[in-house]
Amino acid sequence: MLGINTLLFFGLGGQEILIIALIVLLLFGGSKIPELMRGMGKGVKSFKEGMKEVDDVKKDITDQVKDNEK
């Protein structure tokens, strides 16, 4: 089993992630980080909606093929 201090984020430990977070905070500032996260959340939401549309189209095509076989 993995130790408590080992994270499975690209093989980085807690100290490395903390250092990276501090560098990001220094580069972007405290006020920009919520904006970045909000944009990332919108991107993930848009991606999920796109995947749902692909699944819907796939289901429609499958249904049409089944109807044509009858």
Protein backbone atom coordinates (compact mmCIF):
# COMPACT_ATOMS: atom_id res chain seq x y z
CA MET A 1 0.00 0.00 0.00
CA LEU A 2 1.02 3.57 -0.51
CA GLY A 3 2.05 5.75 2.38
CA ILE A 4 -0.02 8.61 3.66
CA ASN A 5 2.41 11.19 2.27
CA THR A 6 2.44 9.72 -1.24
CA LEU A 7 -0.09 11.12 -3.66
CA LEU A 8 -0.92 9.59 -7.00
CA PHE A 9 -0.75 12.89 -8.86
CA PHE A 10 1.91 12.17 -11.47
CA GLY A 11 4.00 10.55 -8.76
CA LEU A 12 4.36 13.80 -6.80
CA GLY A 13 4.40 13.90 -3.03
CA GLY A 14 2.78 16.41 -0.71
CA GLN A 15 5.79 18.72 -0.54
CA GLU A 16 6.14 18.94 -4.30
CA ILE A 17 2.46 19.76 -4.75
CA LEU A 18 2.68 22.42 -2.03
CA ILE A 19 5.66 24.04 -3.76
CA ILE A 20 3.85 24.02 -7.11
CA ALA A 21 0.74 25.55 -5.48
CA LEU A 22 2.84 28.32 -3.95
CA ILE A 23 4.49 29.08 -7.30
CA VAL A 24 1.07 29.27 -8.99
CA LEU A 25 -0.14 31.57 -6.22
CA LEU A 26 2.88 33.86 -6.73
CA LEU A 27 2.49 33.90 -10.52
CA PHE A 28 -1.24 34.52 -10.74
CA GLY A 29 -2.05 36.13 -7.41
CA GLY A 30 -4.87 35.26 -5.08
CA SER A 31 -7.56 37.05 -7.08
CA LYS A 32 -6.84 35.30 -10.39
CA ILE A 33 -7.00 31.72 -9.07
CA PRO A 34 -10.82 31.68 -8.60
CA GLU A 35 -11.20 33.00 -12.15
CA LEU A 36 -8.92 30.26 -13.47
CA MET A 37 -10.82 27.57 -11.57
CA ARG A 38 -14.16 28.96 -12.75
CA GLY A 39 -12.95 28.82 -16.35
CA MET A 40 -11.69 25.29 -15.85
CA GLY A 41 -15.06 24.28 -14.39
CA LYS A 42 -16.89 25.73 -17.38
CA GLY A 43 -14.56 23.85 -19.70
CA VAL A 44 -15.21 20.55 -17.92
CA LYS A 45 -18.96 21.19 -18.00
CA SER A 46 -18.82 21.94 -21.72
CA PHE A 47 -16.79 18.79 -22.34
CA LYS A 48 -19.32 16.65 -20.45
CA GLU A 49 -22.20 18.21 -22.42
CA GLY A 50 -20.36 17.45 -25.66
CA MET A 51 -19.81 13.84 -24.62
CA LYS A 52 -23.53 13.53 -23.80
CA GLU A 53 -24.41 14.86 -27.25
CA VAL A 54 -22.10 12.29 -28.85
CA ASP A 55 -23.78 9.51 -26.86
CA ASP A 56 -27.23 10.79 -27.90
CA VAL A 57 -26.25 10.85 -31.59
CA LYS A 58 -24.75 7.37 -31.28
CA LYS A 59 -27.98 6.08 -29.71
CA ASP A 60 -30.08 7.72 -32.44
CA ILE A 61 -27.98 6.12 -35.18
CA THR A 62 -28.21 2.72 -33.48
CA ASP A 63 -32.00 3.08 -33.21
CA GLN A 64 -32.26 4.03 -36.91
CA VAL A 65 -30.19 1.02 -37.95
CA LYS A 66 -32.40 -1.30 -35.86
CA ASP A 67 -35.55 0.24 -37.41
CA ASN A 68 -34.16 -0.24 -40.94
CA GLU A 69 -33.39 -3.89 -40.24
CA LYS A 70 -37.05 -4.60 -39.44
